[in-house]
Amino acid sequence: MTVNMTKGQAISLQKNDGGSLTAVRMGLGWQAAPRRGLFGSRTREVDLDASAVLFADKQPVDVVFFRHLVSDDGSVKHTGDNLVGGVGQGGDDESILVDLSRVPVHIDQIVFTVNSFTGQTFQEVQNAFCRLVDETNGDELARYTLAGGGAYTAQIMAKVHRTGAGWTMTALGTPANGRTFQDLMPAILPHL
């Protein structure tokens, strides 16, 4: 059963039977919004990029994005860059896989971001979402619809963080500006 999350909401990544999830996928989907012009409406392709920044004690130690597809320890993997979005027509356009059982113990948070590498704003995006899927069975666990329409080029989407012996996902949905994850670091830090 999917939980439709709101900004700031957190959910435990414990299974109903008390066990812990071992592998999850953070999926990102979007479509270009039609623009009205003199001769009707048209769409312009929008290139959004998903990234995962791994933190240990509030310090970034690794990142997974379209130019570095696998974390140094192999626990986090990006499935590849989608330059246009909307390919899945409601499905994931970019995905980041996290093997929670392999994440090193010193990594305590993984922050997921989305940014427009080409600098287009979210005013040109519609139907954007991120979702967390149990990678072992394909069940969607949580979905967070990204607020669109703003004059910003990025969002700090969500984070997965250790809580006791398990993990928790928190929907963040914070608008930001930047073309790369490096540009977003000042916006990420308050959420750690």
N, C-alpha and C. Protein backbone atom coordinates (compact mmCIF):
# COMPACT_ATOMS: atom_id res chain seq x y z
N MET A 1 0.84 -1.19 0.00
CA MET A 1 0.00 0.00 0.00
C MET A 1 0.88 1.24 0.00
N THR A 2 0.61 2.15 -0.91
CA THR A 2 1.41 3.36 -1.05
C THR A 2 0.97 4.42 -0.06
N VAL A 3 1.94 5.09 0.54
CA VAL A 3 1.67 6.25 1.38
C VAL A 3 1.92 7.48 0.53
N ASN A 4 0.91 8.32 0.35
CA ASN A 4 1.10 9.59 -0.35
C ASN A 4 1.59 10.59 0.68
N MET A 5 2.85 10.96 0.54
CA MET A 5 3.50 11.77 1.56
C MET A 5 3.29 13.26 1.35
N THR A 6 3.36 13.99 2.44
CA THR A 6 3.34 15.44 2.41
C THR A 6 4.71 15.95 2.85
N LYS A 7 5.00 17.17 2.52
CA LYS A 7 6.28 17.77 2.87
C LYS A 7 6.53 17.65 4.37
N GLY A 8 7.71 17.13 4.72
CA GLY A 8 8.08 16.97 6.12
C GLY A 8 7.65 15.66 6.75
N GLN A 9 6.80 14.89 6.08
CA GLN A 9 6.32 13.63 6.62
C GLN A 9 7.43 12.57 6.56
N ALA A 10 7.50 11.73 7.58
CA ALA A 10 8.48 10.65 7.64
C ALA A 10 7.77 9.32 7.78
N ILE A 11 8.32 8.29 7.14
CA ILE A 11 7.79 6.94 7.30
C ILE A 11 8.94 5.99 7.60
N SER A 12 8.66 5.01 8.43
CA SER A 12 9.65 3.98 8.75
C SER A 12 9.78 3.03 7.57
N LEU A 13 10.98 2.54 7.35
CA LEU A 13 11.20 1.56 6.29
C LEU A 13 11.25 0.14 6.85
N GLN A 14 10.51 -0.06 7.93
CA GLN A 14 10.34 -1.40 8.47
C GLN A 14 9.20 -2.06 7.71
N LYS A 15 9.30 -3.35 7.47
CA LYS A 15 8.22 -4.10 6.83
C LYS A 15 7.12 -4.37 7.85
N ASN A 16 5.93 -4.66 7.36
CA ASN A 16 4.80 -4.95 8.25
C ASN A 16 5.07 -6.14 9.16
N ASP A 17 5.89 -7.10 8.69
CA ASP A 17 6.19 -8.28 9.51
C ASP A 17 7.30 -8.02 10.52
N GLY A 18 7.78 -6.77 10.61
CA GLY A 18 8.82 -6.42 11.57
C GLY A 18 10.22 -6.45 11.00
N GLY A 19 10.39 -7.05 9.83
CA GLY A 19 11.70 -7.08 9.20
C GLY A 19 12.02 -5.73 8.58
N SER A 20 13.25 -5.59 8.14
CA SER A 20 13.69 -4.34 7.52
C SER A 20 13.79 -4.51 6.01
N LEU A 21 13.52 -3.45 5.32
CA LEU A 21 13.74 -3.45 3.87
C LEU A 21 15.23 -3.57 3.61
N THR A 22 15.58 -4.29 2.57
CA THR A 22 17.00 -4.46 2.26
C THR A 22 17.42 -3.68 1.02
N ALA A 23 16.49 -3.47 0.09
CA ALA A 23 16.83 -2.76 -1.15
C ALA A 23 15.64 -1.91 -1.58
N VAL A 24 15.91 -0.64 -1.85
CA VAL A 24 14.85 0.27 -2.28
C VAL A 24 15.30 1.01 -3.54
N ARG A 25 14.30 1.51 -4.26
CA ARG A 25 14.56 2.33 -5.45
C ARG A 25 13.86 3.66 -5.27
N MET A 26 14.62 4.74 -5.43
CA MET A 26 14.02 6.07 -5.45
C MET A 26 13.82 6.40 -6.92
N GLY A 27 12.58 6.48 -7.34
CA GLY A 27 12.25 6.78 -8.72
C GLY A 27 11.83 8.23 -8.86
N LEU A 28 12.18 8.83 -9.98
CA LEU A 28 11.82 10.20 -10.30
C LEU A 28 11.13 10.20 -11.65
N GLY A 29 10.00 10.88 -11.73
CA GLY A 29 9.29 11.01 -13.00
C GLY A 29 8.84 12.43 -13.21
N TRP A 30 8.72 12.83 -14.47
CA TRP A 30 8.28 14.18 -14.80
C TRP A 30 7.88 14.24 -16.27
N GLN A 31 7.19 15.31 -16.59
CA GLN A 31 6.84 15.61 -17.97
C GLN A 31 7.05 17.09 -18.21
N ALA A 32 7.37 17.42 -19.45
CA ALA A 32 7.46 18.83 -19.82
C ALA A 32 6.06 19.41 -19.87
N ALA A 33 5.88 20.59 -19.31
CA ALA A 33 4.58 21.25 -19.33
C ALA A 33 4.39 21.93 -20.68
N PRO A 34 3.19 21.84 -21.23
CA PRO A 34 2.94 22.54 -22.50
C PRO A 34 3.00 24.05 -22.29
N ARG A 35 3.56 24.73 -23.25
CA ARG A 35 3.64 26.19 -23.21
C ARG A 35 2.74 26.76 -24.28
N ARG A 36 2.00 27.74 -23.90
CA ARG A 36 1.10 28.38 -24.87
C ARG A 36 1.86 29.44 -25.65
N GLY A 37 1.64 29.41 -26.91
CA GLY A 37 2.29 30.38 -27.78
C GLY A 37 1.29 30.95 -28.77
N LEU A 38 1.77 31.73 -29.68
CA LEU A 38 0.94 32.39 -30.68
C LEU A 38 0.19 31.38 -31.54
N PHE A 39 0.80 30.24 -31.79
CA PHE A 39 0.21 29.24 -32.68
C PHE A 39 -0.23 27.98 -31.93
N GLY A 40 -0.67 28.12 -30.68
CA GLY A 40 -1.13 26.99 -29.89
C GLY A 40 -0.11 26.63 -28.81
N SER A 41 -0.26 25.41 -28.29
CA SER A 41 0.67 24.99 -27.23
C SER A 41 1.69 24.00 -27.79
N ARG A 42 2.84 24.01 -27.16
CA ARG A 42 3.91 23.08 -27.53
C ARG A 42 4.70 22.76 -26.27
N THR A 43 5.46 21.69 -26.33
CA THR A 43 6.31 21.34 -25.18
C THR A 43 7.77 21.39 -25.61
N ARG A 44 8.60 21.73 -24.66
CA ARG A 44 10.04 21.74 -24.85
C ARG A 44 10.62 20.71 -23.89
N GLU A 45 11.50 19.87 -24.37
CA GLU A 45 12.07 18.83 -23.53
C GLU A 45 12.76 19.44 -22.31
N VAL A 46 12.62 18.75 -21.17
CA VAL A 46 13.22 19.20 -19.92
C VAL A 46 14.11 18.08 -19.39
N ASP A 47 15.36 18.41 -19.12
CA ASP A 47 16.33 17.44 -18.61
C ASP A 47 16.50 17.65 -17.11
N LEU A 48 15.84 16.78 -16.32
CA LEU A 48 16.03 16.78 -14.88
C LEU A 48 16.99 15.66 -14.52
N ASP A 49 17.77 15.87 -13.49
CA ASP A 49 18.75 14.88 -13.07
C ASP A 49 18.57 14.56 -11.59
N ALA A 50 18.49 13.26 -11.31
CA ALA A 50 18.40 12.79 -9.93
C ALA A 50 19.80 12.51 -9.41
N SER A 51 20.03 12.84 -8.15
CA SER A 51 21.30 12.58 -7.49
C SER A 51 21.03 12.07 -6.08
N ALA A 52 21.99 11.32 -5.55
CA ALA A 52 21.94 10.87 -4.16
C ALA A 52 23.26 11.24 -3.52
N VAL A 53 23.20 12.03 -2.44
CA VAL A 53 24.40 12.45 -1.73
C VAL A 53 24.44 11.67 -0.42
N LEU A 54 25.53 10.94 -0.20
CA LEU A 54 25.71 10.13 0.99
C LEU A 54 26.47 10.93 2.04
N PHE A 55 25.91 10.97 3.26
CA PHE A 55 26.50 11.75 4.34
C PHE A 55 26.90 10.85 5.50
N ALA A 56 27.99 11.22 6.14
CA ALA A 56 28.42 10.60 7.39
C ALA A 56 28.68 11.74 8.36
N ASP A 57 27.90 11.78 9.42
CA ASP A 57 28.07 12.83 10.43
C ASP A 57 27.98 14.23 9.82
N LYS A 58 26.99 14.43 8.96
CA LYS A 58 26.71 15.71 8.29
C LYS A 58 27.78 16.15 7.30
N GLN A 59 28.67 15.22 6.93
CA GLN A 59 29.70 15.53 5.94
C GLN A 59 29.45 14.69 4.69
N PRO A 60 29.45 15.31 3.51
CA PRO A 60 29.27 14.51 2.28
C PRO A 60 30.50 13.63 2.05
N VAL A 61 30.26 12.34 1.80
CA VAL A 61 31.38 11.42 1.59
C VAL A 61 31.35 10.76 0.21
N ASP A 62 30.21 10.82 -0.47
CA ASP A 62 30.10 10.22 -1.80
C ASP A 62 28.83 10.77 -2.45
N VAL A 63 28.75 10.64 -3.76
CA VAL A 63 27.56 11.07 -4.49
C VAL A 63 27.36 10.16 -5.68
N VAL A 64 26.09 9.92 -6.00
CA VAL A 64 25.74 9.14 -7.17
C VAL A 64 24.88 10.05 -8.04
N PHE A 65 25.28 10.21 -9.29
CA PHE A 65 24.55 11.03 -10.25
C PHE A 65 24.93 10.58 -11.65
N PHE A 66 24.46 11.26 -12.68
CA PHE A 66 24.64 10.77 -14.04
C PHE A 66 26.09 10.66 -14.50
N ARG A 67 27.02 11.31 -13.82
CA ARG A 67 28.44 11.18 -14.19
C ARG A 67 29.22 10.27 -13.25
N HIS A 68 28.58 9.79 -12.20
CA HIS A 68 29.19 8.85 -11.24
C HIS A 68 28.05 7.91 -10.84
N LEU A 69 27.84 6.85 -11.63
CA LEU A 69 26.65 6.03 -11.52
C LEU A 69 26.63 5.06 -10.33
N VAL A 70 27.77 4.79 -9.73
CA VAL A 70 27.81 3.84 -8.61
C VAL A 70 28.64 4.44 -7.49
N SER A 71 28.12 4.34 -6.26
CA SER A 71 28.88 4.84 -5.11
C SER A 71 30.17 4.03 -4.98
N ASP A 72 31.15 4.62 -4.33
CA ASP A 72 32.44 3.96 -4.19
C ASP A 72 32.34 2.60 -3.51
N ASP A 73 31.38 2.44 -2.60
CA ASP A 73 31.22 1.16 -1.91
C ASP A 73 30.28 0.21 -2.63
N GLY A 74 29.62 0.68 -3.71
CA GLY A 74 28.73 -0.16 -4.50
C GLY A 74 27.32 -0.30 -3.99
N SER A 75 26.97 0.37 -2.90
CA SER A 75 25.64 0.20 -2.30
C SER A 75 24.56 1.05 -2.97
N VAL A 76 24.94 2.09 -3.71
CA VAL A 76 23.98 2.99 -4.35
C VAL A 76 24.31 3.06 -5.84
N LYS A 77 23.27 2.88 -6.68
CA LYS A 77 23.49 2.86 -8.13
C LYS A 77 22.43 3.69 -8.85
N HIS A 78 22.88 4.52 -9.78
CA HIS A 78 22.00 5.31 -10.64
C HIS A 78 21.80 4.49 -11.92
N THR A 79 20.56 4.40 -12.39
CA THR A 79 20.29 3.56 -13.56
C THR A 79 20.57 4.25 -14.89
N GLY A 80 20.90 5.54 -14.87
CA GLY A 80 21.25 6.23 -16.11
C GLY A 80 20.48 7.52 -16.30
N ASP A 81 21.02 8.36 -17.14
CA ASP A 81 20.49 9.70 -17.37
C ASP A 81 19.38 9.68 -18.41
N ASN A 82 18.26 10.33 -18.10
CA ASN A 82 17.16 10.52 -19.04
C ASN A 82 17.15 12.00 -19.38
N LEU A 83 17.29 12.32 -20.64
CA LEU A 83 17.44 13.72 -21.05
C LEU A 83 16.13 14.44 -21.33
N VAL A 84 15.00 13.73 -21.35
CA VAL A 84 13.76 14.39 -21.76
C VAL A 84 12.59 14.21 -20.79
N GLY A 85 12.56 13.17 -19.99
CA GLY A 85 11.43 12.95 -19.10
C GLY A 85 10.18 12.53 -19.84
N GLY A 86 9.19 12.07 -19.09
CA GLY A 86 7.92 11.70 -19.68
C GLY A 86 7.94 10.40 -20.46
N VAL A 87 9.09 9.74 -20.52
CA VAL A 87 9.20 8.51 -21.29
C VAL A 87 8.29 7.44 -20.72
N GLY A 88 8.28 7.35 -19.39
CA GLY A 88 7.47 6.33 -18.74
C GLY A 88 5.99 6.68 -18.66
N GLN A 89 5.60 7.87 -19.07
CA GLN A 89 4.20 8.30 -18.99
C GLN A 89 3.61 7.95 -17.63
N GLY A 90 4.25 8.45 -16.58
CA GLY A 90 3.80 8.19 -15.22
C GLY A 90 4.72 7.25 -14.48
N GLY A 91 5.63 6.61 -15.19
CA GLY A 91 6.61 5.74 -14.55
C GLY A 91 7.88 6.51 -14.24
N ASP A 92 8.89 5.79 -13.79
CA ASP A 92 10.15 6.42 -13.42
C ASP A 92 10.95 6.78 -14.66
N ASP A 93 11.42 8.01 -14.70
CA ASP A 93 12.30 8.45 -15.78
C ASP A 93 13.76 8.29 -15.39
N GLU A 94 14.08 8.45 -14.12
CA GLU A 94 15.41 8.16 -13.58
C GLU A 94 15.20 7.44 -12.25
N SER A 95 16.11 6.53 -11.93
CA SER A 95 16.02 5.77 -10.69
C SER A 95 17.38 5.65 -10.04
N ILE A 96 17.34 5.61 -8.72
CA ILE A 96 18.55 5.36 -7.93
C ILE A 96 18.24 4.19 -7.01
N LEU A 97 19.03 3.13 -7.13
CA LEU A 97 18.85 1.92 -6.33
C LEU A 97 19.75 1.99 -5.10
N VAL A 98 19.20 1.65 -3.95
CA VAL A 98 19.97 1.66 -2.71
C VAL A 98 19.84 0.29 -2.05
N ASP A 99 20.97 -0.40 -1.90
CA ASP A 99 21.02 -1.66 -1.18
C ASP A 99 21.31 -1.30 0.28
N LEU A 100 20.25 -1.14 1.06
CA LEU A 100 20.37 -0.68 2.44
C LEU A 100 21.25 -1.60 3.28
N SER A 101 21.25 -2.87 2.96
CA SER A 101 22.05 -3.82 3.73
C SER A 101 23.55 -3.66 3.46
N ARG A 102 23.92 -2.99 2.36
CA ARG A 102 25.33 -2.80 2.02
C ARG A 102 25.84 -1.40 2.30
N VAL A 103 24.94 -0.48 2.69
CA VAL A 103 25.39 0.88 2.99
C VAL A 103 26.30 0.81 4.21
N PRO A 104 27.53 1.32 4.11
CA PRO A 104 28.45 1.27 5.25
C PRO A 104 27.86 1.92 6.50
N VAL A 105 28.22 1.39 7.66
CA VAL A 105 27.62 1.86 8.91
C VAL A 105 27.88 3.33 9.19
N HIS A 106 28.96 3.89 8.66
CA HIS A 106 29.24 5.30 8.94
C HIS A 106 28.35 6.25 8.11
N ILE A 107 27.72 5.74 7.06
CA ILE A 107 26.77 6.55 6.27
C ILE A 107 25.46 6.58 7.04
N ASP A 108 25.04 7.78 7.48
CA ASP A 108 23.82 7.87 8.27
C ASP A 108 22.66 8.54 7.55
N GLN A 109 22.92 9.18 6.39
CA GLN A 109 21.86 9.82 5.64
C GLN A 109 22.19 9.78 4.15
N ILE A 110 21.15 9.60 3.35
CA ILE A 110 21.27 9.70 1.89
C ILE A 110 20.21 10.69 1.45
N VAL A 111 20.64 11.80 0.86
CA VAL A 111 19.72 12.85 0.44
C VAL A 111 19.55 12.78 -1.07
N PHE A 112 18.30 12.77 -1.52
CA PHE A 112 17.97 12.70 -2.94
C PHE A 112 17.57 14.08 -3.45
N THR A 113 18.20 14.47 -4.54
CA THR A 113 17.91 15.78 -5.13
C THR A 113 17.51 15.61 -6.59
N VAL A 114 16.89 16.63 -7.11
CA VAL A 114 16.60 16.71 -8.54
C VAL A 114 16.93 18.13 -8.98
N ASN A 115 17.60 18.22 -10.12
CA ASN A 115 17.96 19.54 -10.63
C ASN A 115 17.87 19.56 -12.14
N SER A 116 17.69 20.75 -12.68
CA SER A 116 17.65 20.94 -14.12
C SER A 116 19.04 21.32 -14.59
N PHE A 117 19.72 20.37 -15.20
CA PHE A 117 21.09 20.60 -15.65
C PHE A 117 21.14 21.71 -16.70
N THR A 118 20.08 21.83 -17.48
CA THR A 118 20.03 22.85 -18.54
C THR A 118 19.55 24.20 -18.04
N GLY A 119 19.16 24.25 -16.75
CA GLY A 119 18.75 25.52 -16.17
C GLY A 119 17.29 25.88 -16.36
N GLN A 120 16.50 24.97 -16.92
CA GLN A 120 15.07 25.24 -17.04
C GLN A 120 14.43 25.20 -15.65
N THR A 121 13.39 25.97 -15.46
CA THR A 121 12.76 26.03 -14.14
C THR A 121 11.61 25.03 -14.04
N PHE A 122 11.12 24.84 -12.83
CA PHE A 122 10.00 23.93 -12.61
C PHE A 122 8.69 24.51 -13.16
N GLN A 123 8.71 25.74 -13.63
CA GLN A 123 7.54 26.28 -14.34
C GLN A 123 7.32 25.52 -15.64
N GLU A 124 8.37 24.86 -16.13
CA GLU A 124 8.30 24.11 -17.38
C GLU A 124 8.10 22.62 -17.17
N VAL A 125 7.78 22.22 -15.92
CA VAL A 125 7.63 20.82 -15.56
C VAL A 125 6.24 20.59 -15.00
N GLN A 126 5.68 19.42 -15.31
CA GLN A 126 4.41 19.02 -14.70
C GLN A 126 4.49 17.54 -14.32
N ASN A 127 3.58 17.14 -13.44
CA ASN A 127 3.47 15.74 -13.03
C ASN A 127 4.79 15.16 -12.49
N ALA A 128 5.54 15.96 -11.78
CA ALA A 128 6.82 15.49 -11.22
C ALA A 128 6.56 14.80 -9.88
N PHE A 129 7.28 13.70 -9.66
CA PHE A 129 7.14 12.97 -8.41
C PHE A 129 8.43 12.24 -8.10
N CYS A 130 8.55 11.86 -6.84
CA CYS A 130 9.55 10.87 -6.47
C CYS A 130 8.80 9.80 -5.70
N ARG A 131 9.30 8.59 -5.80
CA ARG A 131 8.63 7.49 -5.12
C ARG A 131 9.66 6.49 -4.62
N LEU A 132 9.33 5.82 -3.54
CA LEU A 132 10.19 4.82 -2.96
C LEU A 132 9.54 3.46 -3.20
N VAL A 133 10.32 2.54 -3.78
CA VAL A 133 9.83 1.22 -4.14
C VAL A 133 10.67 0.16 -3.44
N ASP A 134 10.00 -0.87 -2.91
CA ASP A 134 10.71 -2.04 -2.36
C ASP A 134 11.26 -2.80 -3.56
N GLU A 135 12.56 -2.77 -3.73
CA GLU A 135 13.18 -3.35 -4.91
C GLU A 135 13.09 -4.88 -4.92
N THR A 136 12.82 -5.50 -3.78
CA THR A 136 12.74 -6.96 -3.75
C THR A 136 11.44 -7.49 -4.34
N ASN A 137 10.36 -6.68 -4.31
CA ASN A 137 9.08 -7.17 -4.84
C ASN A 137 8.36 -6.16 -5.75
N GLY A 138 8.91 -4.96 -5.92
CA GLY A 138 8.32 -3.97 -6.81
C GLY A 138 7.19 -3.16 -6.21
N ASP A 139 6.87 -3.38 -4.94
CA ASP A 139 5.77 -2.63 -4.31
C ASP A 139 6.17 -1.18 -4.06
N GLU A 140 5.30 -0.26 -4.46
CA GLU A 140 5.52 1.15 -4.16
C GLU A 140 5.17 1.39 -2.69
N LEU A 141 6.12 1.96 -1.95
CA LEU A 141 5.92 2.20 -0.53
C LEU A 141 5.44 3.61 -0.24
N ALA A 142 6.02 4.57 -0.94
CA ALA A 142 5.69 5.97 -0.69
C ALA A 142 5.85 6.76 -1.97
N ARG A 143 5.05 7.81 -2.08
CA ARG A 143 5.11 8.70 -3.24
C ARG A 143 4.99 10.12 -2.74
N TYR A 144 5.83 10.97 -3.28
CA TYR A 144 5.78 12.38 -2.94
C TYR A 144 5.69 13.16 -4.24
N THR A 145 4.61 13.91 -4.42
CA THR A 145 4.43 14.73 -5.60
C THR A 145 5.20 16.02 -5.39
N LEU A 146 6.11 16.30 -6.31
CA LEU A 146 6.93 17.50 -6.19
C LEU A 146 6.11 18.71 -6.61
N ALA A 147 6.11 19.72 -5.76
CA ALA A 147 5.39 20.95 -6.08
C ALA A 147 6.04 21.58 -7.30
N GLY A 148 5.25 21.89 -8.27
CA GLY A 148 5.80 22.45 -9.51
C GLY A 148 5.41 23.90 -9.69
N GLY A 149 5.80 24.43 -10.80
CA GLY A 149 5.40 25.77 -11.16
C GLY A 149 6.27 26.89 -10.66
N GLY A 150 7.30 26.58 -9.92
CA GLY A 150 8.13 27.63 -9.35
C GLY A 150 9.27 28.06 -10.26
N ALA A 151 9.81 29.23 -9.95
CA ALA A 151 10.93 29.79 -10.72
C ALA A 151 12.25 29.30 -10.15
N TYR A 152 12.33 28.02 -9.80
CA TYR A 152 13.55 27.43 -9.27
C TYR A 152 13.96 26.28 -10.17
N THR A 153 15.22 25.88 -10.08
CA THR A 153 15.76 24.87 -10.98
C THR A 153 16.06 23.54 -10.30
N ALA A 154 15.72 23.41 -9.03
CA ALA A 154 16.04 22.17 -8.31
C ALA A 154 15.11 22.00 -7.11
N GLN A 155 15.12 20.76 -6.59
CA GLN A 155 14.43 20.47 -5.33
C GLN A 155 15.25 19.47 -4.54
N ILE A 156 15.28 19.68 -3.24
CA ILE A 156 15.79 18.67 -2.33
C ILE A 156 14.58 17.78 -2.06
N MET A 157 14.55 16.59 -2.67
CA MET A 157 13.34 15.77 -2.70
C MET A 157 13.04 15.08 -1.37
N ALA A 158 13.99 14.27 -0.93
CA ALA A 158 13.73 13.41 0.22
C ALA A 158 15.07 12.94 0.78
N LYS A 159 14.99 12.35 1.96
CA LYS A 159 16.19 11.73 2.51
C LYS A 159 15.81 10.41 3.15
N VAL A 160 16.76 9.49 3.15
CA VAL A 160 16.65 8.22 3.86
C VAL A 160 17.72 8.29 4.92
N HIS A 161 17.34 8.08 6.17
CA HIS A 161 18.31 8.22 7.26
C HIS A 161 18.12 7.12 8.28
N ARG A 162 19.23 6.81 8.95
CA ARG A 162 19.20 5.76 9.96
C ARG A 162 18.45 6.23 11.20
N THR A 163 17.63 5.33 11.71
CA THR A 163 16.94 5.56 12.98
C THR A 163 17.03 4.27 13.78
N GLY A 164 17.87 4.27 14.79
CA GLY A 164 18.09 3.04 15.55
C GLY A 164 18.71 1.99 14.64
N ALA A 165 18.06 0.82 14.58
CA ALA A 165 18.58 -0.27 13.76
C ALA A 165 18.03 -0.25 12.34
N GLY A 166 17.14 0.69 12.04
CA GLY A 166 16.50 0.70 10.73
C GLY A 166 16.70 2.02 10.00
N TRP A 167 15.86 2.23 9.00
CA TRP A 167 15.91 3.43 8.16
C TRP A 167 14.54 4.09 8.12
N THR A 168 14.54 5.41 7.90
CA THR A 168 13.32 6.20 7.76
C THR A 168 13.46 7.06 6.51
N MET A 169 12.36 7.26 5.80
CA MET A 169 12.34 8.19 4.67
C MET A 169 11.56 9.43 5.09
N THR A 170 12.11 10.61 4.78
CA THR A 170 11.43 11.87 5.05
C THR A 170 11.30 12.65 3.75
N ALA A 171 10.08 13.07 3.44
CA ALA A 171 9.84 13.91 2.26
C ALA A 171 10.25 15.33 2.59
N LEU A 172 11.11 15.93 1.78
CA LEU A 172 11.60 17.28 2.05
C LEU A 172 10.96 18.32 1.13
N GLY A 173 11.04 18.14 -0.17
CA GLY A 173 10.37 19.03 -1.12
C GLY A 173 10.77 20.48 -1.01
N THR A 174 12.05 20.74 -0.78
CA THR A 174 12.51 22.11 -0.64
C THR A 174 13.01 22.65 -1.98
N PRO A 175 12.39 23.72 -2.48
CA PRO A 175 12.87 24.32 -3.73
C PRO A 175 14.26 24.91 -3.55
N ALA A 176 15.05 24.86 -4.60
CA ALA A 176 16.41 25.40 -4.58
C ALA A 176 16.80 25.81 -5.99
N ASN A 177 17.95 26.39 -6.12
CA ASN A 177 18.46 26.75 -7.44
C ASN A 177 19.86 26.17 -7.60
N GLY A 178 20.07 25.57 -8.75
CA GLY A 178 21.36 24.99 -9.06
C GLY A 178 21.24 23.99 -10.19
N ARG A 179 22.31 23.87 -10.95
CA ARG A 179 22.32 22.94 -12.08
C ARG A 179 22.93 21.59 -11.72
N THR A 180 23.65 21.51 -10.59
CA THR A 180 24.29 20.27 -10.17
C THR A 180 24.08 20.07 -8.68
N PHE A 181 24.37 18.86 -8.22
CA PHE A 181 24.24 18.60 -6.78
C PHE A 181 25.19 19.48 -5.97
N GLN A 182 26.36 19.82 -6.55
CA GLN A 182 27.30 20.69 -5.83
C GLN A 182 26.66 22.05 -5.54
N ASP A 183 25.92 22.57 -6.51
CA ASP A 183 25.23 23.85 -6.33
C ASP A 183 24.21 23.78 -5.20
N LEU A 184 23.69 22.58 -4.92
CA LEU A 184 22.61 22.41 -3.96
C LEU A 184 23.08 22.17 -2.52
N MET A 185 24.37 22.00 -2.32
CA MET A 185 24.85 21.68 -0.97
C MET A 185 24.40 22.68 0.09
N PRO A 186 24.44 24.00 -0.14
CA PRO A 186 23.96 24.92 0.90
C PRO A 186 22.48 24.70 1.24
N ALA A 187 21.68 24.26 0.28
CA ALA A 187 20.25 24.00 0.54
C ALA A 187 20.04 22.66 1.22
N ILE A 188 20.96 21.72 1.02
CA ILE A 188 20.84 20.39 1.64
C ILE A 188 21.19 20.43 3.13
N LEU A 189 22.24 21.13 3.48
CA LEU A 189 22.79 21.08 4.84
C LEU A 189 21.77 21.34 5.96
N PRO A 190 20.81 22.28 5.82
CA PRO A 190 19.84 22.45 6.91
C PRO A 190 18.95 21.25 7.17
N HIS A 191 18.91 20.30 6.24
CA HIS A 191 18.03 19.13 6.39
C HIS A 191 18.73 17.93 7.02
N LEU A 192 19.98 18.10 7.39
CA LEU A 192 20.73 16.98 7.96
C LEU A 192 20.53 16.88 9.46
